[in-house]
Amino acid sequence: MVKILIAEDEEFLRENLNNKLIKYWPQAKIISSVENGDDALASLNKDKPDIAFLDIQMGDLTGIEVAQLTKHKCHIIFITAYDQYAIQAFETGAIDYLLKPYSDKRLQECIERLNVRLASTPVDIKQALENVNSEQGSYLKRLKIQIGNKFWLIPVDDIICFKASGRYVKVLTKEREALVRMPLKNLCEQLNPEIFWQVHRSTVLNIKSLNYVQTTDCEQMNAYMKGLNEPLAISRSFTHLFRSLNAEI
């Protein structure tokens, strides 16, 4: 009997994967189904599954971090709604993944691949991730945003700015704004720092969407963005970014 762990923070998607695995892989047994990274890590170390399906985007502790922190080695499949961490490298076979929204056919292909891999030693995830992260172009290219039961895969170049909102991040584009279940700190680690500049502890802007910067009489520097009515405050800690830019010009 193949023992499986599912970690997915969206209840509908978690139950959907659970039901499809029961349907397409009757030889397998779901021993744990959890909604966050902390529970996933605890289950990995306690229940010791043969296979773990880990959603990458799970708030404070991501699927990537769970895979790096666990002491238990098993075959891991990352579930992601965007092509961060160089999906191309995943496709070489170093790491398995499911890209949302995945089809039944794609899941069945994954199951077939896993059936073959069960006879071999699980990949060293830490080493594999180091290799993936060393690949060029590993920065986040698309981001899933969800409003109600609808979601969009937004190219990050179309995002004007990110604003921290508790444990979430508010994503602003010309068309809409939405919350993403991820702390700003974790998101920043996936963004190209040459394009996305942190200008406040709670704000990251897309320099390509910058219209102009203005300093008020009280020496408060503000960034006026294309597509936004209100300016973004730049804290004193980050004003040097724009002073250096002016000096270069």
C-alpha atoms as a PDB file:
ATOM      1  CA  MET A   1       0.000   0.000   0.000  1.00  0.00           C
ATOM      2  CA  VAL A   2       1.386   3.391  -1.056  1.00  0.00           C
ATOM      3  CA  LYS A   3       0.961   6.022   1.684  1.00  0.00           C
ATOM      4  CA  ILE A   4       0.206   9.574   0.546  1.00  0.00           C
ATOM      5  CA  LEU A   5       0.174  13.001   2.201  1.00  0.00           C
ATOM      6  CA  ILE A   6      -1.720  15.915   0.641  1.00  0.00           C
ATOM      7  CA  ALA A   7      -0.948  19.496   1.716  1.00  0.00           C
ATOM      8  CA  GLU A   8      -3.100  22.131   0.022  1.00  0.00           C
ATOM      9  CA  ASP A   9      -4.489  25.276   1.654  1.00  0.00           C
ATOM     10  CA  GLU A  10      -7.558  25.550  -0.575  1.00  0.00           C
ATOM     11  CA  GLU A  11     -10.199  23.121   0.686  1.00  0.00           C
ATOM     12  CA  PHE A  12     -11.865  22.535  -2.677  1.00  0.00           C
ATOM     13  CA  LEU A  13      -8.568  21.736  -4.398  1.00  0.00           C
ATOM     14  CA  ARG A  14      -7.470  19.528  -1.500  1.00  0.00           C
ATOM     15  CA  GLU A  15     -10.657  17.472  -1.620  1.00  0.00           C
ATOM     16  CA  ASN A  16     -10.563  17.359  -5.409  1.00  0.00           C
ATOM     17  CA  LEU A  17      -7.032  15.921  -5.420  1.00  0.00           C
ATOM     18  CA  ASN A  18      -7.984  13.473  -2.692  1.00  0.00           C
ATOM     19  CA  ASN A  19     -10.952  12.191  -4.726  1.00  0.00           C
ATOM     20  CA  LYS A  20      -8.977  11.939  -7.955  1.00  0.00           C
ATOM     21  CA  LEU A  21      -6.176   9.977  -6.292  1.00  0.00           C
ATOM     22  CA  ILE A  22      -8.751   7.542  -4.903  1.00  0.00           C
ATOM     23  CA  LYS A  23     -10.211   7.196  -8.396  1.00  0.00           C
ATOM     24  CA  TYR A  24      -7.010   6.861 -10.405  1.00  0.00           C
ATOM     25  CA  TRP A  25      -4.742   5.203  -7.840  1.00  0.00           C
ATOM     26  CA  PRO A  26      -6.792   2.661  -5.833  1.00  0.00           C
ATOM     27  CA  GLN A  27      -3.589   0.982  -4.601  1.00  0.00           C
ATOM     28  CA  ALA A  28      -2.704   4.151  -2.712  1.00  0.00           C
ATOM     29  CA  LYS A  29      -3.983   5.327   0.686  1.00  0.00           C
ATOM     30  CA  ILE A  30      -4.352   8.966   1.755  1.00  0.00           C
ATOM     31  CA  ILE A  31      -2.984   8.888   5.300  1.00  0.00           C
ATOM     32  CA  SER A  32      -3.026  12.644   5.857  1.00  0.00           C
ATOM     33  CA  SER A  33      -4.711  15.683   4.265  1.00  0.00           C
ATOM     34  CA  VAL A  34      -3.694  19.056   5.703  1.00  0.00           C
ATOM     35  CA  GLU A  35      -4.155  22.750   4.895  1.00  0.00           C
ATOM     36  CA  ASN A  36      -0.885  24.377   5.949  1.00  0.00           C
ATOM     37  CA  GLY A  37       2.866  23.921   5.969  1.00  0.00           C
ATOM     38  CA  ASP A  38       3.242  23.370   9.714  1.00  0.00           C
ATOM     39  CA  ASP A  39       0.808  20.447   9.672  1.00  0.00           C
ATOM     40  CA  ALA A  40       2.436  19.073   6.527  1.00  0.00           C
ATOM     41  CA  LEU A  41       5.863  19.089   8.184  1.00  0.00           C
ATOM     42  CA  ALA A  42       4.490  17.405  11.313  1.00  0.00           C
ATOM     43  CA  SER A  43       2.755  14.732   9.246  1.00  0.00           C
ATOM     44  CA  LEU A  44       5.850  14.038   7.152  1.00  0.00           C
ATOM     45  CA  ASN A  45       7.978  13.445  10.237  1.00  0.00           C
ATOM     46  CA  LYS A  46       5.325  11.466  12.125  1.00  0.00           C
ATOM     47  CA  ASP A  47       3.354   9.511   9.505  1.00  0.00           C
ATOM     48  CA  LYS A  48       6.282   8.961   7.105  1.00  0.00           C
ATOM     49  CA  PRO A  49       4.360   8.790   3.817  1.00  0.00           C
ATOM     50  CA  ASP A  50       5.854   7.330   0.647  1.00  0.00           C
ATOM     51  CA  ILE A  51       4.650  10.300  -1.391  1.00  0.00           C
ATOM     52  CA  ALA A  52       3.796  13.914  -0.508  1.00  0.00           C
ATOM     53  CA  PHE A  53       1.825  16.329  -2.673  1.00  0.00           C
ATOM     54  CA  LEU A  54       2.867  19.772  -1.393  1.00  0.00           C
ATOM     55  CA  ASP A  55       1.285  23.039  -2.476  1.00  0.00           C
ATOM     56  CA  ILE A  56       4.084  25.585  -2.837  1.00  0.00           C
ATOM     57  CA  GLN A  57       1.994  28.576  -1.764  1.00  0.00           C
ATOM     58  CA  MET A  58       0.751  27.834   1.763  1.00  0.00           C
ATOM     59  CA  GLY A  59       1.263  31.022   3.746  1.00  0.00           C
ATOM     60  CA  ASP A  60       3.925  31.213   6.450  1.00  0.00           C
ATOM     61  CA  LEU A  61       5.568  27.876   5.634  1.00  0.00           C
ATOM     62  CA  THR A  62       5.652  27.053   1.935  1.00  0.00           C
ATOM     63  CA  GLY A  63       5.767  23.611   0.355  1.00  0.00           C
ATOM     64  CA  ILE A  64       9.369  24.303  -0.656  1.00  0.00           C
ATOM     65  CA  GLU A  65      10.314  25.065   2.950  1.00  0.00           C
ATOM     66  CA  VAL A  66       8.474  21.962   4.190  1.00  0.00           C
ATOM     67  CA  ALA A  67      10.496  19.810   1.779  1.00  0.00           C
ATOM     68  CA  GLN A  68      13.728  21.413   2.979  1.00  0.00           C
ATOM     69  CA  LEU A  69      12.936  21.090   6.684  1.00  0.00           C
ATOM     70  CA  THR A  70      11.546  17.562   6.897  1.00  0.00           C
ATOM     71  CA  LYS A  71      13.735  14.778   8.249  1.00  0.00           C
ATOM     72  CA  HIS A  72      11.751  12.172   6.322  1.00  0.00           C
ATOM     73  CA  LYS A  73      12.759  11.384   2.757  1.00  0.00           C
ATOM     74  CA  CYS A  74       9.942  10.554   0.360  1.00  0.00           C
ATOM     75  CA  HIS A  75       8.932  11.249  -3.220  1.00  0.00           C
ATOM     76  CA  ILE A  76       7.607  14.816  -3.414  1.00  0.00           C
ATOM     77  CA  ILE A  77       5.330  16.438  -5.974  1.00  0.00           C
ATOM     78  CA  PHE A  78       5.029  20.208  -5.786  1.00  0.00           C
ATOM     79  CA  ILE A  79       1.699  21.792  -6.690  1.00  0.00           C
ATOM     80  CA  THR A  80       1.972  25.321  -8.033  1.00  0.00           C
ATOM     81  CA  ALA A  81      -0.211  27.908  -9.751  1.00  0.00           C
ATOM     82  CA  TYR A  82       2.720  29.710 -11.370  1.00  0.00           C
ATOM     83  CA  ASP A  83       6.054  28.790 -12.906  1.00  0.00           C
ATOM     84  CA  GLN A  84       8.403  29.854 -10.129  1.00  0.00           C
ATOM     85  CA  TYR A  85      11.481  27.813  -9.197  1.00  0.00           C
ATOM     86  CA  ALA A  86      12.216  27.124 -12.875  1.00  0.00           C
ATOM     87  CA  ILE A  87       9.516  24.727 -13.993  1.00  0.00           C
ATOM     88  CA  GLN A  88      11.823  23.826 -16.868  1.00  0.00           C
ATOM     89  CA  ALA A  89      14.233  22.331 -14.349  1.00  0.00           C
ATOM     90  CA  PHE A  90      11.385  20.357 -12.764  1.00  0.00           C
ATOM     91  CA  GLU A  91      10.637  18.906 -16.174  1.00  0.00           C
ATOM     92  CA  THR A  92      14.096  17.391 -16.409  1.00  0.00           C
ATOM     93  CA  GLY A  93      12.883  14.873 -13.828  1.00  0.00           C
ATOM     94  CA  ALA A  94      14.767  16.230 -10.828  1.00  0.00           C
ATOM     95  CA  ILE A  95      11.510  17.213  -9.122  1.00  0.00           C
ATOM     96  CA  ASP A  96       7.901  16.421 -10.004  1.00  0.00           C
ATOM     97  CA  TYR A  97       5.237  19.117 -10.126  1.00  0.00           C
ATOM     98  CA  LEU A  98       1.599  19.752 -11.009  1.00  0.00           C
ATOM     99  CA  LEU A  99       0.805  23.153 -12.518  1.00  0.00           C
ATOM    100  CA  LYS A 100      -2.666  24.419 -11.586  1.00  0.00           C
ATOM    101  CA  PRO A 101      -5.165  23.998 -13.059  1.00  0.00           C
ATOM    102  CA  TYR A 102      -3.971  20.507 -13.976  1.00  0.00           C
ATOM    103  CA  SER A 103      -6.060  18.026 -15.933  1.00  0.00           C
ATOM    104  CA  ASP A 104      -6.974  14.457 -15.031  1.00  0.00           C
ATOM    105  CA  LYS A 105      -4.604  13.329 -17.786  1.00  0.00           C
ATOM    106  CA  ARG A 106      -1.708  15.280 -16.251  1.00  0.00           C
ATOM    107  CA  LEU A 107      -2.403  13.750 -12.828  1.00  0.00           C
ATOM    108  CA  GLN A 108      -2.509  10.266 -14.341  1.00  0.00           C
ATOM    109  CA  GLU A 109       0.859  10.890 -16.000  1.00  0.00           C
ATOM    110  CA  CYS A 110       2.223  11.948 -12.625  1.00  0.00           C
ATOM    111  CA  ILE A 111       0.883   8.768 -11.012  1.00  0.00           C
ATOM    112  CA  GLU A 112       2.494   6.623 -13.720  1.00  0.00           C
ATOM    113  CA  ARG A 113       5.814   8.351 -13.143  1.00  0.00           C
ATOM    114  CA  LEU A 114       5.515   7.874  -9.391  1.00  0.00           C
ATOM    115  CA  ASN A 115       4.793   4.158  -9.774  1.00  0.00           C
ATOM    116  CA  VAL A 116       8.131   3.834 -11.521  1.00  0.00           C
ATOM    117  CA  ARG A 117       9.980   5.995  -8.990  1.00  0.00           C
ATOM    118  CA  LEU A 118       8.712   4.105  -5.953  1.00  0.00           C
ATOM    119  CA  ALA A 119      11.275   1.428  -6.657  1.00  0.00           C
ATOM    120  CA  SER A 120      14.094   3.968  -6.378  1.00  0.00           C
ATOM    121  CA  THR A 121      15.515   6.170  -3.617  1.00  0.00           C
ATOM    122  CA  PRO A 122      13.761   9.554  -3.279  1.00  0.00           C
ATOM    123  CA  VAL A 123      15.540  12.548  -4.775  1.00  0.00           C
ATOM    124  CA  ASP A 124      17.602  14.661  -2.361  1.00  0.00           C
ATOM    125  CA  ILE A 125      15.219  17.634  -2.347  1.00  0.00           C
ATOM    126  CA  LYS A 126      17.658  20.099  -0.792  1.00  0.00           C
ATOM    127  CA  GLN A 127      20.275  19.407  -3.454  1.00  0.00           C
ATOM    128  CA  ALA A 128      17.712  19.410  -6.252  1.00  0.00           C
ATOM    129  CA  LEU A 129      16.307  22.759  -5.125  1.00  0.00           C
ATOM    130  CA  GLU A 130      19.781  24.249  -4.941  1.00  0.00           C
ATOM    131  CA  ASN A 131      20.318  23.171  -8.536  1.00  0.00           C
ATOM    132  CA  VAL A 132      16.945  24.619  -9.560  1.00  0.00           C
ATOM    133  CA  ASN A 133      17.560  27.931  -7.813  1.00  0.00           C
ATOM    134  CA  SER A 134      20.951  28.263  -9.516  1.00  0.00           C
ATOM    135  CA  GLU A 135      19.277  28.158 -12.935  1.00  0.00           C
ATOM    136  CA  GLN A 136      18.933  31.482 -14.723  1.00  0.00           C
ATOM    137  CA  GLY A 137      15.429  32.858 -15.025  1.00  0.00           C
ATOM    138  CA  SER A 138      14.271  31.262 -11.777  1.00  0.00           C
ATOM    139  CA  TYR A 139      12.437  34.403 -10.677  1.00  0.00           C
ATOM    140  CA  LEU A 140       8.658  34.387 -10.427  1.00  0.00           C
ATOM    141  CA  LYS A 141       7.017  34.941 -13.820  1.00  0.00           C
ATOM    142  CA  ARG A 142       3.318  34.513 -13.038  1.00  0.00           C
ATOM    143  CA  LEU A 143       1.248  34.796  -9.891  1.00  0.00           C
ATOM    144  CA  LYS A 144      -2.166  33.363  -9.108  1.00  0.00           C
ATOM    145  CA  ILE A 145      -4.677  35.797  -7.679  1.00  0.00           C
ATOM    146  CA  GLN A 146      -8.145  34.748  -6.607  1.00  0.00           C
ATOM    147  CA  ILE A 147     -11.377  36.683  -6.097  1.00  0.00           C
ATOM    148  CA  GLY A 148     -14.251  34.531  -4.894  1.00  0.00           C
ATOM    149  CA  ASN A 149     -14.288  31.344  -6.960  1.00  0.00           C
ATOM    150  CA  LYS A 150     -12.432  32.929  -9.889  1.00  0.00           C
ATOM    151  CA  PHE A 151      -8.675  33.066 -10.293  1.00  0.00           C
ATOM    152  CA  TRP A 152      -6.241  34.576 -12.764  1.00  0.00           C
ATOM    153  CA  LEU A 153      -2.619  33.789 -13.593  1.00  0.00           C
ATOM    154  CA  ILE A 154      -1.118  37.273 -13.800  1.00  0.00           C
ATOM    155  CA  PRO A 155       2.284  37.944 -15.421  1.00  0.00           C
ATOM    156  CA  VAL A 156       4.315  39.647 -12.702  1.00  0.00           C
ATOM    157  CA  ASP A 157       5.371  42.342 -15.178  1.00  0.00           C
ATOM    158  CA  ASP A 158       1.713  43.493 -15.184  1.00  0.00           C
ATOM    159  CA  ILE A 159       1.674  43.965 -11.420  1.00  0.00           C
ATOM    160  CA  ILE A 160       2.085  47.597 -10.344  1.00  0.00           C
ATOM    161  CA  CYS A 161       2.908  46.938  -6.710  1.00  0.00           C
ATOM    162  CA  PHE A 162       2.551  44.625  -3.733  1.00  0.00           C
ATOM    163  CA  LYS A 163       1.365  45.777  -0.303  1.00  0.00           C
ATOM    164  CA  ALA A 164       1.633  43.753   2.886  1.00  0.00           C
ATOM    165  CA  SER A 165      -1.695  43.114   4.620  1.00  0.00           C
ATOM    166  CA  GLY A 166      -1.074  41.032   7.739  1.00  0.00           C
ATOM    167  CA  ARG A 167      -0.110  37.527   6.626  1.00  0.00           C
ATOM    168  CA  TYR A 168      -1.332  38.319   3.135  1.00  0.00           C
ATOM    169  CA  VAL A 169      -0.142  40.467   0.257  1.00  0.00           C
ATOM    170  CA  LYS A 170      -2.379  42.822  -1.696  1.00  0.00           C
ATOM    171  CA  VAL A 171      -1.619  42.642  -5.414  1.00  0.00           C
ATOM    172  CA  LEU A 172      -2.501  45.701  -7.516  1.00  0.00           C
ATOM    173  CA  THR A 173      -2.785  45.739 -11.307  1.00  0.00           C
ATOM    174  CA  LYS A 174      -4.493  48.190 -13.672  1.00  0.00           C
ATOM    175  CA  GLU A 175      -7.535  45.913 -13.850  1.00  0.00           C
ATOM    176  CA  ARG A 176      -7.994  44.650 -10.300  1.00  0.00           C
ATOM    177  CA  GLU A 177      -6.618  44.095  -6.831  1.00  0.00           C
ATOM    178  CA  ALA A 178      -6.656  40.908  -4.778  1.00  0.00           C
ATOM    179  CA  LEU A 179      -5.038  39.190  -1.809  1.00  0.00           C
ATOM    180  CA  VAL A 180      -2.446  36.433  -2.061  1.00  0.00           C
ATOM    181  CA  ARG A 181      -1.890  34.005   0.819  1.00  0.00           C
ATOM    182  CA  MET A 182       1.791  34.652   1.310  1.00  0.00           C
ATOM    183  CA  PRO A 183       3.834  37.000   3.532  1.00  0.00           C
ATOM    184  CA  LEU A 184       5.565  39.826   1.664  1.00  0.00           C
ATOM    185  CA  LYS A 185       8.974  38.579   2.802  1.00  0.00           C
ATOM    186  CA  ASN A 186       8.457  35.188   1.117  1.00  0.00           C
ATOM    187  CA  LEU A 187       7.165  36.810  -2.043  1.00  0.00           C
ATOM    188  CA  CYS A 188      10.124  39.196  -2.278  1.00  0.00           C
ATOM    189  CA  GLU A 189      12.509  36.247  -2.340  1.00  0.00           C
ATOM    190  CA  GLN A 190      10.907  35.118  -5.609  1.00  0.00           C
ATOM    191  CA  LEU A 191      10.930  38.486  -7.399  1.00  0.00           C
ATOM    192  CA  ASN A 192      13.630  39.911  -9.633  1.00  0.00           C
ATOM    193  CA  PRO A 193      15.232  42.638  -7.461  1.00  0.00           C
ATOM    194  CA  GLU A 194      16.231  44.633 -10.545  1.00  0.00           C
ATOM    195  CA  ILE A 195      12.552  45.138 -11.392  1.00  0.00           C
ATOM    196  CA  PHE A 196      10.762  44.960  -8.038  1.00  0.00           C
ATOM    197  CA  TRP A 197      12.047  47.447  -5.491  1.00  0.00           C
ATOM    198  CA  GLN A 198      11.049  47.442  -1.864  1.00  0.00           C
ATOM    199  CA  VAL A 199      10.358  51.072  -0.959  1.00  0.00           C
ATOM    200  CA  HIS A 200       8.732  50.540   2.425  1.00  0.00           C
ATOM    201  CA  ARG A 201       8.582  47.652   4.872  1.00  0.00           C
ATOM    202  CA  SER A 202       5.071  46.961   3.548  1.00  0.00           C
ATOM    203  CA  THR A 203       5.428  48.001  -0.110  1.00  0.00           C
ATOM    204  CA  VAL A 204       7.201  46.640  -3.184  1.00  0.00           C
ATOM    205  CA  LEU A 205       6.783  48.423  -6.514  1.00  0.00           C
ATOM    206  CA  ASN A 206       7.414  47.481 -10.124  1.00  0.00           C
ATOM    207  CA  ILE A 207       9.977  49.982 -11.378  1.00  0.00           C
ATOM    208  CA  LYS A 208       8.624  49.531 -14.924  1.00  0.00           C
ATOM    209  CA  SER A 209       5.294  50.994 -13.741  1.00  0.00           C
ATOM    210  CA  LEU A 210       6.901  54.031 -12.107  1.00  0.00           C
ATOM    211  CA  ASN A 211       5.752  57.350 -13.543  1.00  0.00           C
ATOM    212  CA  TYR A 212       7.722  59.789 -11.413  1.00  0.00           C
ATOM    213  CA  VAL A 213       8.988  60.414  -7.875  1.00  0.00           C
ATOM    214  CA  GLN A 214       8.231  63.590  -5.954  1.00  0.00           C
ATOM    215  CA  THR A 215       9.467  64.976  -2.643  1.00  0.00           C
ATOM    216  CA  THR A 216       7.069  67.015  -0.504  1.00  0.00           C
ATOM    217  CA  ASP A 217       7.923  70.063   1.601  1.00  0.00           C
ATOM    218  CA  CYS A 218       8.362  67.822   4.642  1.00  0.00           C
ATOM    219  CA  GLU A 219      10.896  65.744   2.661  1.00  0.00           C
ATOM    220  CA  GLN A 220       8.546  62.808   2.251  1.00  0.00           C
ATOM    221  CA  MET A 221       9.369  61.022  -1.004  1.00  0.00           C
ATOM    222  CA  ASN A 222       6.437  59.508  -2.921  1.00  0.00           C
ATOM    223  CA  ALA A 223       6.313  57.276  -5.984  1.00  0.00           C
ATOM    224  CA  TYR A 224       3.567  58.006  -8.513  1.00  0.00           C
ATOM    225  CA  MET A 225       2.703  54.849 -10.428  1.00  0.00           C
ATOM    226  CA  LYS A 226       1.093  54.397 -13.838  1.00  0.00           C
ATOM    227  CA  GLY A 227      -2.371  53.012 -13.234  1.00  0.00           C
ATOM    228  CA  LEU A 228      -2.687  54.084  -9.583  1.00  0.00           C
ATOM    229  CA  ASN A 229      -4.483  57.203  -8.342  1.00  0.00           C
ATOM    230  CA  GLU A 230      -2.694  57.415  -5.008  1.00  0.00           C
ATOM    231  CA  PRO A 231       1.107  57.657  -4.644  1.00  0.00           C
ATOM    232  CA  LEU A 232       3.180  55.110  -2.738  1.00  0.00           C
ATOM    233  CA  ALA A 233       5.121  56.411   0.241  1.00  0.00           C
ATOM    234  CA  ILE A 234       8.865  55.736   0.139  1.00  0.00           C
ATOM    235  CA  SER A 235      10.381  55.368   3.584  1.00  0.00           C
ATOM    236  CA  ARG A 236      13.670  57.098   4.389  1.00  0.00           C
ATOM    237  CA  SER A 237      15.434  53.725   4.498  1.00  0.00           C
ATOM    238  CA  PHE A 238      14.851  53.305   0.759  1.00  0.00           C
ATOM    239  CA  THR A 239      15.161  56.832  -0.632  1.00  0.00           C
ATOM    240  CA  HIS A 240      18.785  56.128  -1.544  1.00  0.00           C
ATOM    241  CA  LEU A 241      17.547  53.889  -4.372  1.00  0.00           C
ATOM    242  CA  PHE A 242      16.087  56.881  -6.171  1.00  0.00           C
ATOM    243  CA  ARG A 243      18.852  59.323  -5.255  1.00  0.00           C
ATOM    244  CA  SER A 244      21.374  56.911  -6.784  1.00  0.00           C
ATOM    245  CA  LEU A 245      19.162  56.581  -9.840  1.00  0.00           C
ATOM    246  CA  ASN A 246      19.044  60.345 -10.245  1.00  0.00           C
ATOM    247  CA  ALA A 247      22.809  60.554  -9.885  1.00  0.00           C
ATOM    248  CA  GLU A 248      23.283  58.015 -12.672  1.00  0.00           C
ATOM    249  CA  ILE A 249      20.940  59.959 -14.945  1.00  0.00           C
END
